[in-house]
Amino acid sequence: FKRELHLHHTAEDELIWPVLRPRLAHSEAALSVLAAMEAEHEQ
């Protein structure tokens, strides 16, 4: 479980959210969601 969660969150933080961020730079709401996703991973 821990191994799969680490792989899943790492993929999101390194490969998914960074791809979305420049595409959604015009939307403060979208950027806020992406920041929240990363913060929740850390929690």
PDB file of all heavy atoms in Angstrom:
ATOM      1  N   PHE A   1       0.835  -1.206   0.000  1.00  0.00           N
ATOM      2  CA  PHE A   1       0.000   0.000   0.000  1.00  0.00           C
ATOM      3  C   PHE A   1       0.867   1.252   0.000  1.00  0.00           C
ATOM      4  O   PHE A   1       0.655   2.173  -0.799  1.00  0.00           O
ATOM      5  CB  PHE A   1      -0.911  -0.019   1.227  1.00  0.00           C
ATOM      6  CG  PHE A   1      -1.690   1.245   1.457  1.00  0.00           C
ATOM      7  CD1 PHE A   1      -2.903   1.450   0.826  1.00  0.00           C
ATOM      8  CD2 PHE A   1      -1.215   2.231   2.311  1.00  0.00           C
ATOM      9  CE1 PHE A   1      -3.632   2.621   1.040  1.00  0.00           C
ATOM     10  CE2 PHE A   1      -1.923   3.405   2.525  1.00  0.00           C
ATOM     11  CZ  PHE A   1      -3.143   3.590   1.886  1.00  0.00           C
ATOM     12  N   LYS A   2       1.854   1.306   0.882  1.00  0.00           N
ATOM     13  CA  LYS A   2       2.729   2.478   0.961  1.00  0.00           C
ATOM     14  C   LYS A   2       3.517   2.669  -0.337  1.00  0.00           C
ATOM     15  O   LYS A   2       3.680   3.808  -0.801  1.00  0.00           O
ATOM     16  CB  LYS A   2       3.708   2.326   2.129  1.00  0.00           C
ATOM     17  CG  LYS A   2       3.075   2.460   3.494  1.00  0.00           C
ATOM     18  CD  LYS A   2       4.144   2.479   4.582  1.00  0.00           C
ATOM     19  CE  LYS A   2       4.886   1.164   4.654  1.00  0.00           C
ATOM     20  NZ  LYS A   2       5.930   1.168   5.711  1.00  0.00           N
ATOM     21  N   ARG A   3       3.972   1.580  -0.909  1.00  0.00           N
ATOM     22  CA  ARG A   3       4.751   1.662  -2.149  1.00  0.00           C
ATOM     23  C   ARG A   3       3.890   2.214  -3.286  1.00  0.00           C
ATOM     24  O   ARG A   3       4.323   3.094  -4.039  1.00  0.00           O
ATOM     25  CB  ARG A   3       5.288   0.269  -2.502  1.00  0.00           C
ATOM     26  CG  ARG A   3       6.258   0.241  -3.655  1.00  0.00           C
ATOM     27  CD  ARG A   3       7.137  -0.993  -3.594  1.00  0.00           C
ATOM     28  NE  ARG A   3       6.405  -2.245  -3.668  1.00  0.00           N
ATOM     29  CZ  ARG A   3       6.298  -3.107  -2.646  1.00  0.00           C
ATOM     30  NH1 ARG A   3       6.843  -2.841  -1.477  1.00  0.00           N
ATOM     31  NH2 ARG A   3       5.638  -4.245  -2.798  1.00  0.00           N
ATOM     32  N   GLU A   4       2.656   1.717  -3.403  1.00  0.00           N
ATOM     33  CA  GLU A   4       1.786   2.192  -4.475  1.00  0.00           C
ATOM     34  C   GLU A   4       1.362   3.641  -4.253  1.00  0.00           C
ATOM     35  O   GLU A   4       1.256   4.423  -5.207  1.00  0.00           O
ATOM     36  CB  GLU A   4       0.550   1.290  -4.580  1.00  0.00           C
ATOM     37  CG  GLU A   4       0.841  -0.122  -5.027  1.00  0.00           C
ATOM     38  CD  GLU A   4       1.501  -0.198  -6.392  1.00  0.00           C
ATOM     39  OE1 GLU A   4       1.277   0.708  -7.226  1.00  0.00           O
ATOM     40  OE2 GLU A   4       2.282  -1.146  -6.620  1.00  0.00           O
ATOM     41  N   LEU A   5       1.144   4.024  -3.012  1.00  0.00           N
ATOM     42  CA  LEU A   5       0.778   5.412  -2.728  1.00  0.00           C
ATOM     43  C   LEU A   5       1.939   6.349  -3.058  1.00  0.00           C
ATOM     44  O   LEU A   5       1.727   7.438  -3.615  1.00  0.00           O
ATOM     45  CB  LEU A   5       0.373   5.556  -1.259  1.00  0.00           C
ATOM     46  CG  LEU A   5      -0.214   6.913  -0.859  1.00  0.00           C
ATOM     47  CD1 LEU A   5      -1.503   7.204  -1.622  1.00  0.00           C
ATOM     48  CD2 LEU A   5      -0.467   6.962   0.658  1.00  0.00           C
ATOM     49  N   HIS A   6       3.151   5.924  -2.735  1.00  0.00           N
ATOM     50  CA  HIS A   6       4.318   6.748  -3.056  1.00  0.00           C
ATOM     51  C   HIS A   6       4.456   6.918  -4.565  1.00  0.00           C
ATOM     52  O   HIS A   6       4.687   8.037  -5.059  1.00  0.00           O
ATOM     53  CB  HIS A   6       5.579   6.109  -2.483  1.00  0.00           C
ATOM     54  CG  HIS A   6       6.842   6.788  -2.889  1.00  0.00           C
ATOM     55  ND1 HIS A   6       7.225   8.024  -2.391  1.00  0.00           N
ATOM     56  CD2 HIS A   6       7.817   6.427  -3.785  1.00  0.00           C
ATOM     57  CE1 HIS A   6       8.372   8.383  -2.937  1.00  0.00           C
ATOM     58  NE2 HIS A   6       8.746   7.443  -3.792  1.00  0.00           N
ATOM     59  N   LEU A   7       4.328   5.830  -5.327  1.00  0.00           N
ATOM     60  CA  LEU A   7       4.435   5.914  -6.779  1.00  0.00           C
ATOM     61  C   LEU A   7       3.345   6.812  -7.356  1.00  0.00           C
ATOM     62  O   LEU A   7       3.592   7.622  -8.260  1.00  0.00           O
ATOM     63  CB  LEU A   7       4.329   4.516  -7.398  1.00  0.00           C
ATOM     64  CG  LEU A   7       5.520   3.583  -7.189  1.00  0.00           C
ATOM     65  CD1 LEU A   7       5.194   2.197  -7.736  1.00  0.00           C
ATOM     66  CD2 LEU A   7       6.772   4.126  -7.862  1.00  0.00           C
ATOM     67  N   HIS A   8       2.135   6.685  -6.828  1.00  0.00           N
ATOM     68  CA  HIS A   8       0.992   7.455  -7.323  1.00  0.00           C
ATOM     69  C   HIS A   8       1.188   8.947  -7.067  1.00  0.00           C
ATOM     70  O   HIS A   8       1.034   9.774  -7.979  1.00  0.00           O
ATOM     71  CB  HIS A   8      -0.267   6.954  -6.618  1.00  0.00           C
ATOM     72  CG  HIS A   8      -1.543   7.514  -7.150  1.00  0.00           C
ATOM     73  ND1 HIS A   8      -2.169   7.015  -8.273  1.00  0.00           N
ATOM     74  CD2 HIS A   8      -2.329   8.524  -6.708  1.00  0.00           C
ATOM     75  CE1 HIS A   8      -3.280   7.700  -8.505  1.00  0.00           C
ATOM     76  NE2 HIS A   8      -3.402   8.626  -7.562  1.00  0.00           N
ATOM     77  N   HIS A   9       1.542   9.297  -5.846  1.00  0.00           N
ATOM     78  CA  HIS A   9       1.709  10.710  -5.503  1.00  0.00           C
ATOM     79  C   HIS A   9       2.939  11.309  -6.188  1.00  0.00           C
ATOM     80  O   HIS A   9       2.912  12.481  -6.596  1.00  0.00           O
ATOM     81  CB  HIS A   9       1.798  10.875  -3.991  1.00  0.00           C
ATOM     82  CG  HIS A   9       0.472  10.777  -3.315  1.00  0.00           C
ATOM     83  ND1 HIS A   9       0.316  10.849  -1.943  1.00  0.00           N
ATOM     84  CD2 HIS A   9      -0.779  10.635  -3.829  1.00  0.00           C
ATOM     85  CE1 HIS A   9      -0.968  10.752  -1.652  1.00  0.00           C
ATOM     86  NE2 HIS A   9      -1.644  10.610  -2.776  1.00  0.00           N
ATOM     87  N   THR A  10       4.009  10.533  -6.304  1.00  0.00           N
ATOM     88  CA  THR A  10       5.202  11.034  -6.990  1.00  0.00           C
ATOM     89  C   THR A  10       4.898  11.326  -8.459  1.00  0.00           C
ATOM     90  O   THR A  10       5.337  12.347  -9.011  1.00  0.00           O
ATOM     91  CB  THR A  10       6.355  10.033  -6.879  1.00  0.00           C
ATOM     92  OG1 THR A  10       6.684   9.837  -5.494  1.00  0.00           O
ATOM     93  CG2 THR A  10       7.590  10.531  -7.619  1.00  0.00           C
ATOM     94  N   ALA A  11       4.143  10.441  -9.099  1.00  0.00           N
ATOM     95  CA  ALA A  11       3.768  10.656 -10.499  1.00  0.00           C
ATOM     96  C   ALA A  11       2.942  11.929 -10.649  1.00  0.00           C
ATOM     97  O   ALA A  11       3.141  12.708 -11.587  1.00  0.00           O
ATOM     98  CB  ALA A  11       2.992   9.452 -11.027  1.00  0.00           C
ATOM     99  N   GLU A  12       2.036  12.152  -9.721  1.00  0.00           N
ATOM    100  CA  GLU A  12       1.227  13.369  -9.787  1.00  0.00           C
ATOM    101  C   GLU A  12       2.092  14.615  -9.586  1.00  0.00           C
ATOM    102  O   GLU A  12       1.989  15.592 -10.343  1.00  0.00           O
ATOM    103  CB  GLU A  12       0.115  13.309  -8.738  1.00  0.00           C
ATOM    104  CG  GLU A  12      -0.955  12.277  -9.064  1.00  0.00           C
ATOM    105  CD  GLU A  12      -2.002  12.149  -7.975  1.00  0.00           C
ATOM    106  OE1 GLU A  12      -1.741  12.568  -6.819  1.00  0.00           O
ATOM    107  OE2 GLU A  12      -3.085  11.614  -8.274  1.00  0.00           O
ATOM    108  N   ASP A  13       2.941  14.579  -8.559  1.00  0.00           N
ATOM    109  CA  ASP A  13       3.739  15.761  -8.214  1.00  0.00           C
ATOM    110  C   ASP A  13       4.810  16.073  -9.256  1.00  0.00           C
ATOM    111  O   ASP A  13       5.171  17.242  -9.459  1.00  0.00           O
ATOM    112  CB  ASP A  13       4.402  15.570  -6.847  1.00  0.00           C
ATOM    113  CG  ASP A  13       3.405  15.611  -5.700  1.00  0.00           C
ATOM    114  OD1 ASP A  13       2.292  16.122  -5.899  1.00  0.00           O
ATOM    115  OD2 ASP A  13       3.740  15.100  -4.612  1.00  0.00           O
ATOM    116  N   GLU A  14       5.345  15.043  -9.919  1.00  0.00           N
ATOM    117  CA  GLU A  14       6.470  15.252 -10.834  1.00  0.00           C
ATOM    118  C   GLU A  14       6.072  15.223 -12.306  1.00  0.00           C
ATOM    119  O   GLU A  14       6.747  15.850 -13.134  1.00  0.00           O
ATOM    120  CB  GLU A  14       7.550  14.192 -10.580  1.00  0.00           C
ATOM    121  CG  GLU A  14       8.178  14.285  -9.195  1.00  0.00           C
ATOM    122  CD  GLU A  14       9.288  13.269  -8.983  1.00  0.00           C
ATOM    123  OE1 GLU A  14       9.547  12.463  -9.905  1.00  0.00           O
ATOM    124  OE2 GLU A  14       9.876  13.275  -7.886  1.00  0.00           O
ATOM    125  N   LEU A  15       4.988  14.513 -12.656  1.00  0.00           N
ATOM    126  CA  LEU A  15       4.669  14.318 -14.065  1.00  0.00           C
ATOM    127  C   LEU A  15       3.312  14.871 -14.491  1.00  0.00           C
ATOM    128  O   LEU A  15       3.110  15.118 -15.681  1.00  0.00           O
ATOM    129  CB  LEU A  15       4.722  12.821 -14.412  1.00  0.00           C
ATOM    130  CG  LEU A  15       6.075  12.127 -14.222  1.00  0.00           C
ATOM    131  CD1 LEU A  15       5.947  10.646 -14.533  1.00  0.00           C
ATOM    132  CD2 LEU A  15       7.137  12.761 -15.108  1.00  0.00           C
ATOM    133  N   ILE A  16       2.391  15.028 -13.544  1.00  0.00           N
ATOM    134  CA  ILE A  16       1.041  15.453 -13.940  1.00  0.00           C
ATOM    135  C   ILE A  16       0.796  16.918 -13.608  1.00  0.00           C
ATOM    136  O   ILE A  16       0.534  17.736 -14.498  1.00  0.00           O
ATOM    137  CB  ILE A  16      -0.030  14.565 -13.280  1.00  0.00           C
ATOM    138  CG1 ILE A  16       0.161  13.113 -13.724  1.00  0.00           C
ATOM    139  CG2 ILE A  16      -1.428  15.061 -13.661  1.00  0.00           C
ATOM    140  CD1 ILE A  16      -0.807  12.129 -13.088  1.00  0.00           C
ATOM    141  N   TRP A  17       0.881  17.276 -12.326  1.00  0.00           N
ATOM    142  CA  TRP A  17       0.579  18.671 -11.954  1.00  0.00           C
ATOM    143  C   TRP A  17       1.514  19.656 -12.653  1.00  0.00           C
ATOM    144  O   TRP A  17       1.036  20.716 -13.108  1.00  0.00           O
ATOM    145  CB  TRP A  17       0.634  18.862 -10.437  1.00  0.00           C
ATOM    146  CG  TRP A  17      -0.145  17.918  -9.590  1.00  0.00           C
ATOM    147  CD1 TRP A  17       0.223  17.427  -8.369  1.00  0.00           C
ATOM    148  CD2 TRP A  17      -1.446  17.350  -9.839  1.00  0.00           C
ATOM    149  NE1 TRP A  17      -0.732  16.580  -7.866  1.00  0.00           N
ATOM    150  CE2 TRP A  17      -1.774  16.512  -8.751  1.00  0.00           C
ATOM    151  CE3 TRP A  17      -2.352  17.431 -10.899  1.00  0.00           C
ATOM    152  CZ2 TRP A  17      -2.958  15.795  -8.675  1.00  0.00           C
ATOM    153  CZ3 TRP A  17      -3.548  16.712 -10.833  1.00  0.00           C
ATOM    154  CH2 TRP A  17      -3.836  15.912  -9.727  1.00  0.00           C
ATOM    155  N   PRO A  18       2.834  19.374 -12.815  1.00  0.00           N
ATOM    156  CA  PRO A  18       3.685  20.332 -13.519  1.00  0.00           C
ATOM    157  C   PRO A  18       3.297  20.536 -14.986  1.00  0.00           C
ATOM    158  O   PRO A  18       3.548  21.605 -15.545  1.00  0.00           O
ATOM    159  CB  PRO A  18       5.090  19.710 -13.406  1.00  0.00           C
ATOM    160  CG  PRO A  18       5.027  18.869 -12.171  1.00  0.00           C
ATOM    161  CD  PRO A  18       3.639  18.302 -12.171  1.00  0.00           C
ATOM    162  N   VAL A  19       2.713  19.506 -15.618  1.00  0.00           N
ATOM    163  CA  VAL A  19       2.249  19.653 -16.998  1.00  0.00           C
ATOM    164  C   VAL A  19       1.006  20.536 -17.052  1.00  0.00           C
ATOM    165  O   VAL A  19       0.822  21.332 -17.976  1.00  0.00           O
ATOM    166  CB  VAL A  19       1.959  18.272 -17.613  1.00  0.00           C
ATOM    167  CG1 VAL A  19       1.309  18.412 -18.988  1.00  0.00           C
ATOM    168  CG2 VAL A  19       3.247  17.460 -17.728  1.00  0.00           C
ATOM    169  N   LEU A  20       0.146  20.403 -16.047  1.00  0.00           N
ATOM    170  CA  LEU A  20      -1.101  21.176 -16.038  1.00  0.00           C
ATOM    171  C   LEU A  20      -0.869  22.647 -15.698  1.00  0.00           C
ATOM    172  O   LEU A  20      -1.572  23.526 -16.212  1.00  0.00           O
ATOM    173  CB  LEU A  20      -2.076  20.586 -15.018  1.00  0.00           C
ATOM    174  CG  LEU A  20      -2.543  19.145 -15.225  1.00  0.00           C
ATOM    175  CD1 LEU A  20      -3.604  18.800 -14.192  1.00  0.00           C
ATOM    176  CD2 LEU A  20      -3.067  18.928 -16.631  1.00  0.00           C
ATOM    177  N   ARG A  21       0.114  22.906 -14.832  1.00  0.00           N
ATOM    178  CA  ARG A  21       0.257  24.261 -14.287  1.00  0.00           C
ATOM    179  C   ARG A  21       0.428  25.340 -15.371  1.00  0.00           C
ATOM    180  O   ARG A  21      -0.286  26.346 -15.340  1.00  0.00           O
ATOM    181  CB  ARG A  21       1.399  24.281 -13.275  1.00  0.00           C
ATOM    182  CG  ARG A  21       1.449  25.552 -12.429  1.00  0.00           C
ATOM    183  CD  ARG A  21       2.387  25.405 -11.254  1.00  0.00           C
ATOM    184  NE  ARG A  21       1.732  24.705 -10.144  1.00  0.00           N
ATOM    185  CZ  ARG A  21       2.041  23.470  -9.757  1.00  0.00           C
ATOM    186  NH1 ARG A  21       2.983  22.784 -10.369  1.00  0.00           N
ATOM    187  NH2 ARG A  21       1.410  22.907  -8.748  1.00  0.00           N
ATOM    188  N   PRO A  22       1.325  25.183 -16.338  1.00  0.00           N
ATOM    189  CA  PRO A  22       1.430  26.246 -17.354  1.00  0.00           C
ATOM    190  C   PRO A  22       0.197  26.348 -18.245  1.00  0.00           C
ATOM    191  O   PRO A  22      -0.134  27.436 -18.728  1.00  0.00           O
ATOM    192  CB  PRO A  22       2.667  25.841 -18.165  1.00  0.00           C
ATOM    193  CG  PRO A  22       2.861  24.391 -17.886  1.00  0.00           C
ATOM    194  CD  PRO A  22       2.371  24.168 -16.507  1.00  0.00           C
ATOM    195  N   ARG A  23      -0.499  25.238 -18.447  1.00  0.00           N
ATOM    196  CA  ARG A  23      -1.704  25.279 -19.271  1.00  0.00           C
ATOM    197  C   ARG A  23      -2.834  26.038 -18.567  1.00  0.00           C
ATOM    198  O   ARG A  23      -3.735  26.566 -19.220  1.00  0.00           O
ATOM    199  CB  ARG A  23      -2.183  23.856 -19.570  1.00  0.00           C
ATOM    200  CG  ARG A  23      -1.202  22.992 -20.347  1.00  0.00           C
ATOM    201  CD  ARG A  23      -1.126  23.374 -21.815  1.00  0.00           C
ATOM    202  NE  ARG A  23      -0.244  22.515 -22.570  1.00  0.00           N
ATOM    203  CZ  ARG A  23      -0.625  21.414 -23.213  1.00  0.00           C
ATOM    204  NH1 ARG A  23      -1.905  21.033 -23.192  1.00  0.00           N
ATOM    205  NH2 ARG A  23       0.254  20.702 -23.877  1.00  0.00           N
ATOM    206  N   LEU A  24      -2.795  26.044 -17.250  1.00  0.00           N
ATOM    207  CA  LEU A  24      -3.882  26.631 -16.461  1.00  0.00           C
ATOM    208  C   LEU A  24      -3.441  27.893 -15.727  1.00  0.00           C
ATOM    209  O   LEU A  24      -4.103  28.315 -14.772  1.00  0.00           O
ATOM    210  CB  LEU A  24      -4.403  25.592 -15.455  1.00  0.00           C
ATOM    211  CG  LEU A  24      -4.944  24.303 -16.082  1.00  0.00           C
ATOM    212  CD1 LEU A  24      -5.155  23.236 -15.017  1.00  0.00           C
ATOM    213  CD2 LEU A  24      -6.247  24.562 -16.825  1.00  0.00           C
ATOM    214  N   ALA A  25      -2.333  28.477 -16.175  1.00  0.00           N
ATOM    215  CA  ALA A  25      -1.775  29.633 -15.483  1.00  0.00           C
ATOM    216  C   ALA A  25      -2.733  30.819 -15.451  1.00  0.00           C
ATOM    217  O   ALA A  25      -2.614  31.693 -14.582  1.00  0.00           O
ATOM    218  CB  ALA A  25      -0.459  30.041 -16.137  1.00  0.00           C
ATOM    219  N   HIS A  26      -3.684  30.853 -16.355  1.00  0.00           N
ATOM    220  CA  HIS A  26      -4.649  31.955 -16.408  1.00  0.00           C
ATOM    221  C   HIS A  26      -5.728  31.843 -15.336  1.00  0.00           C
ATOM    222  O   HIS A  26      -6.488  32.785 -15.125  1.00  0.00           O
ATOM    223  CB  HIS A  26      -5.335  31.964 -17.778  1.00  0.00           C
ATOM    224  CG  HIS A  26      -6.095  30.700 -18.059  1.00  0.00           C
ATOM    225  ND1 HIS A  26      -5.459  29.528 -18.438  1.00  0.00           N
ATOM    226  CD2 HIS A  26      -7.419  30.411 -17.980  1.00  0.00           C
ATOM    227  CE1 HIS A  26      -6.371  28.579 -18.597  1.00  0.00           C
ATOM    228  NE2 HIS A  26      -7.560  29.085 -18.332  1.00  0.00           N
ATOM    229  N   SER A  27      -5.797  30.689 -14.650  1.00  0.00           N
ATOM    230  CA  SER A  27      -6.882  30.440 -13.690  1.00  0.00           C
ATOM    231  C   SER A  27      -6.330  30.339 -12.277  1.00  0.00           C
ATOM    232  O   SER A  27      -5.675  29.351 -11.926  1.00  0.00           O
ATOM    233  CB  SER A  27      -7.622  29.152 -14.055  1.00  0.00           C
ATOM    234  OG  SER A  27      -8.529  28.792 -13.031  1.00  0.00           O
ATOM    235  N   GLU A  28      -6.602  31.329 -11.455  1.00  0.00           N
ATOM    236  CA  GLU A  28      -6.169  31.271 -10.051  1.00  0.00           C
ATOM    237  C   GLU A  28      -6.825  30.106  -9.326  1.00  0.00           C
ATOM    238  O   GLU A  28      -6.210  29.477  -8.460  1.00  0.00           O
ATOM    239  CB  GLU A  28      -6.503  32.586  -9.348  1.00  0.00           C
ATOM    240  CG  GLU A  28      -5.664  33.771  -9.808  1.00  0.00           C
ATOM    241  CD  GLU A  28      -5.939  35.010  -8.989  1.00  0.00           C
ATOM    242  OE1 GLU A  28      -6.630  34.901  -7.962  1.00  0.00           O
ATOM    243  OE2 GLU A  28      -5.452  36.101  -9.371  1.00  0.00           O
ATOM    244  N   ALA A  29      -8.074  29.823  -9.666  1.00  0.00           N
ATOM    245  CA  ALA A  29      -8.778  28.725  -9.013  1.00  0.00           C
ATOM    246  C   ALA A  29      -8.103  27.390  -9.317  1.00  0.00           C
ATOM    247  O   ALA A  29      -7.897  26.557  -8.420  1.00  0.00           O
ATOM    248  CB  ALA A  29     -10.233  28.694  -9.459  1.00  0.00           C
ATOM    249  N   ALA A  30      -7.726  27.171 -10.578  1.00  0.00           N
ATOM    250  CA  ALA A  30      -7.062  25.923 -10.953  1.00  0.00           C
ATOM    251  C   ALA A  30      -5.711  25.793 -10.272  1.00  0.00           C
ATOM    252  O   ALA A  30      -5.357  24.728  -9.751  1.00  0.00           O
ATOM    253  CB  ALA A  30      -6.912  25.845 -12.465  1.00  0.00           C
ATOM    254  N   LEU A  31      -4.936  26.878 -10.255  1.00  0.00           N
ATOM    255  CA  LEU A  31      -3.630  26.840  -9.604  1.00  0.00           C
ATOM    256  C   LEU A  31      -3.768  26.582  -8.109  1.00  0.00           C
ATOM    257  O   LEU A  31      -2.936  25.891  -7.505  1.00  0.00           O
ATOM    258  CB  LEU A  31      -2.881  28.147  -9.853  1.00  0.00           C
ATOM    259  CG  LEU A  31      -2.492  28.429 -11.302  1.00  0.00           C
ATOM    260  CD1 LEU A  31      -1.770  29.766 -11.407  1.00  0.00           C
ATOM    261  CD2 LEU A  31      -1.621  27.312 -11.880  1.00  0.00           C
ATOM    262  N   SER A  32      -4.819  27.103  -7.503  1.00  0.00           N
ATOM    263  CA  SER A  32      -5.072  26.858  -6.087  1.00  0.00           C
ATOM    264  C   SER A  32      -5.356  25.378  -5.836  1.00  0.00           C
ATOM    265  O   SER A  32      -4.895  24.801  -4.842  1.00  0.00           O
ATOM    266  CB  SER A  32      -6.242  27.711  -5.617  1.00  0.00           C
ATOM    267  OG  SER A  32      -6.576  27.420  -4.266  1.00  0.00           O
ATOM    268  N   VAL A  33      -6.098  24.755  -6.742  1.00  0.00           N
ATOM    269  CA  VAL A  33      -6.381  23.323  -6.606  1.00  0.00           C
ATOM    270  C   VAL A  33      -5.092  22.516  -6.704  1.00  0.00           C
ATOM    271  O   VAL A  33      -4.850  21.607  -5.898  1.00  0.00           O
ATOM    272  CB  VAL A  33      -7.388  22.863  -7.688  1.00  0.00           C
ATOM    273  CG1 VAL A  33      -7.462  21.340  -7.735  1.00  0.00           C
ATOM    274  CG2 VAL A  33      -8.766  23.450  -7.411  1.00  0.00           C
ATOM    275  N   LEU A  34      -4.242  22.827  -7.665  1.00  0.00           N
ATOM    276  CA  LEU A  34      -2.993  22.090  -7.823  1.00  0.00           C
ATOM    277  C   LEU A  34      -2.095  22.256  -6.599  1.00  0.00           C
ATOM    278  O   LEU A  34      -1.458  21.292  -6.143  1.00  0.00           O
ATOM    279  CB  LEU A  34      -2.261  22.559  -9.078  1.00  0.00           C
ATOM    280  CG  LEU A  34      -2.981  22.288 -10.408  1.00  0.00           C
ATOM    281  CD1 LEU A  34      -2.168  22.835 -11.577  1.00  0.00           C
ATOM    282  CD2 LEU A  34      -3.253  20.811 -10.585  1.00  0.00           C
ATOM    283  N   ALA A  35      -2.050  23.456  -6.039  1.00  0.00           N
ATOM    284  CA  ALA A  35      -1.270  23.678  -4.818  1.00  0.00           C
ATOM    285  C   ALA A  35      -1.838  22.858  -3.660  1.00  0.00           C
ATOM    286  O   ALA A  35      -1.083  22.297  -2.854  1.00  0.00           O
ATOM    287  CB  ALA A  35      -1.260  25.160  -4.467  1.00  0.00           C
ATOM    288  N   ALA A  36      -3.159  22.777  -3.591  1.00  0.00           N
ATOM    289  CA  ALA A  36      -3.794  21.999  -2.523  1.00  0.00           C
ATOM    290  C   ALA A  36      -3.486  20.514  -2.660  1.00  0.00           C
ATOM    291  O   ALA A  36      -3.272  19.819  -1.655  1.00  0.00           O
ATOM    292  CB  ALA A  36      -5.310  22.228  -2.541  1.00  0.00           C
ATOM    293  N   MET A  37      -3.450  20.011  -3.900  1.00  0.00           N
ATOM    294  CA  MET A  37      -3.127  18.601  -4.112  1.00  0.00           C
ATOM    295  C   MET A  37      -1.742  18.270  -3.542  1.00  0.00           C
ATOM    296  O   MET A  37      -1.559  17.268  -2.838  1.00  0.00           O
ATOM    297  CB  MET A  37      -3.161  18.273  -5.608  1.00  0.00           C
ATOM    298  CG  MET A  37      -4.519  18.381  -6.283  1.00  0.00           C
ATOM    299  SD  MET A  37      -5.775  17.241  -5.637  1.00  0.00           S
ATOM    300  CE  MET A  37      -6.720  18.336  -4.569  1.00  0.00           C
ATOM    301  N   GLU A  38      -0.765  19.124  -3.837  1.00  0.00           N
ATOM    302  CA  GLU A  38       0.588  18.877  -3.342  1.00  0.00           C
ATOM    303  C   GLU A  38       0.665  19.017  -1.824  1.00  0.00           C
ATOM    304  O   GLU A  38       1.347  18.230  -1.153  1.00  0.00           O
ATOM    305  CB  GLU A  38       1.565  19.833  -4.026  1.00  0.00           C
ATOM    306  CG  GLU A  38       1.704  19.561  -5.518  1.00  0.00           C
ATOM    307  CD  GLU A  38       2.609  20.557  -6.223  1.00  0.00           C
ATOM    308  OE1 GLU A  38       2.751  21.683  -5.709  1.00  0.00           O
ATOM    309  OE2 GLU A  38       3.175  20.202  -7.266  1.00  0.00           O
ATOM    310  N   ALA A  39      -0.048  19.991  -1.268  1.00  0.00           N
ATOM    311  CA  ALA A  39      -0.042  20.187   0.186  1.00  0.00           C
ATOM    312  C   ALA A  39      -0.662  18.988   0.895  1.00  0.00           C
ATOM    313  O   ALA A  39      -0.175  18.550   1.947  1.00  0.00           O
ATOM    314  CB  ALA A  39      -0.787  21.470   0.540  1.00  0.00           C
ATOM    315  N   GLU A  40      -1.725  18.440   0.329  1.00  0.00           N
ATOM    316  CA  GLU A  40      -2.374  17.282   0.947  1.00  0.00           C
ATOM    317  C   GLU A  40      -1.465  16.061   0.903  1.00  0.00           C
ATOM    318  O   GLU A  40      -1.469  15.243   1.840  1.00  0.00           O
ATOM    319  CB  GLU A  40      -3.708  17.018   0.252  1.00  0.00           C
ATOM    320  CG  GLU A  40      -4.754  18.076   0.585  1.00  0.00           C
ATOM    321  CD  GLU A  40      -6.002  17.998  -0.273  1.00  0.00           C
ATOM    322  OE1 GLU A  40      -6.197  16.970  -0.973  1.00  0.00           O
ATOM    323  OE2 GLU A  40      -6.792  18.954  -0.255  1.00  0.00           O
ATOM    324  N   HIS A  41      -0.697  15.916  -0.158  1.00  0.00           N
ATOM    325  CA  HIS A  41       0.276  14.819  -0.199  1.00  0.00           C
ATOM    326  C   HIS A  41       1.250  14.919   0.972  1.00  0.00           C
ATOM    327  O   HIS A  41       1.569  13.914   1.620  1.00  0.00           O
ATOM    328  CB  HIS A  41       1.063  14.865  -1.514  1.00  0.00           C
ATOM    329  CG  HIS A  41       0.274  14.448  -2.713  1.00  0.00           C
ATOM    330  ND1 HIS A  41       0.806  14.449  -3.989  1.00  0.00           N
ATOM    331  CD2 HIS A  41      -1.006  14.018  -2.844  1.00  0.00           C
ATOM    332  CE1 HIS A  41      -0.108  14.037  -4.851  1.00  0.00           C
ATOM    333  NE2 HIS A  41      -1.219  13.781  -4.183  1.00  0.00           N
ATOM    334  N   GLU A  42       1.733  16.115   1.237  1.00  0.00           N
ATOM    335  CA  GLU A  42       2.691  16.304   2.328  1.00  0.00           C
ATOM    336  C   GLU A  42       2.069  16.010   3.689  1.00  0.00           C
ATOM    337  O   GLU A  42       2.759  15.540   4.603  1.00  0.00           O
ATOM    338  CB  GLU A  42       3.229  17.736   2.294  1.00  0.00           C
ATOM    339  CG  GLU A  42       4.091  18.044   1.076  1.00  0.00           C
ATOM    340  CD  GLU A  42       4.580  19.475   1.060  1.00  0.00           C
ATOM    341  OE1 GLU A  42       4.236  20.232   1.993  1.00  0.00           O
ATOM    342  OE2 GLU A  42       5.312  19.840   0.119  1.00  0.00           O
ATOM    343  N   GLN A  43       0.786  16.257   3.842  1.00  0.00           N
ATOM    344  CA  GLN A  43       0.111  15.995   5.108  1.00  0.00           C
ATOM    345  C   GLN A  43      -0.056  14.497   5.363  1.00  0.00           C
ATOM    346  O   GLN A  43      -0.152  14.065   6.518  1.00  0.00           O
ATOM    347  CB  GLN A  43      -1.251  16.681   5.115  1.00  0.00           C
ATOM    348  CG  GLN A  43      -1.180  18.204   5.134  1.00  0.00           C
ATOM    349  CD  GLN A  43      -2.511  18.865   4.826  1.00  0.00           C
ATOM    350  OE1 GLN A  43      -3.525  18.192   4.639  1.00  0.00           O
ATOM    351  NE2 GLN A  43      -2.515  20.188   4.765  1.00  0.00           N
TER     352      GLN A  43
END
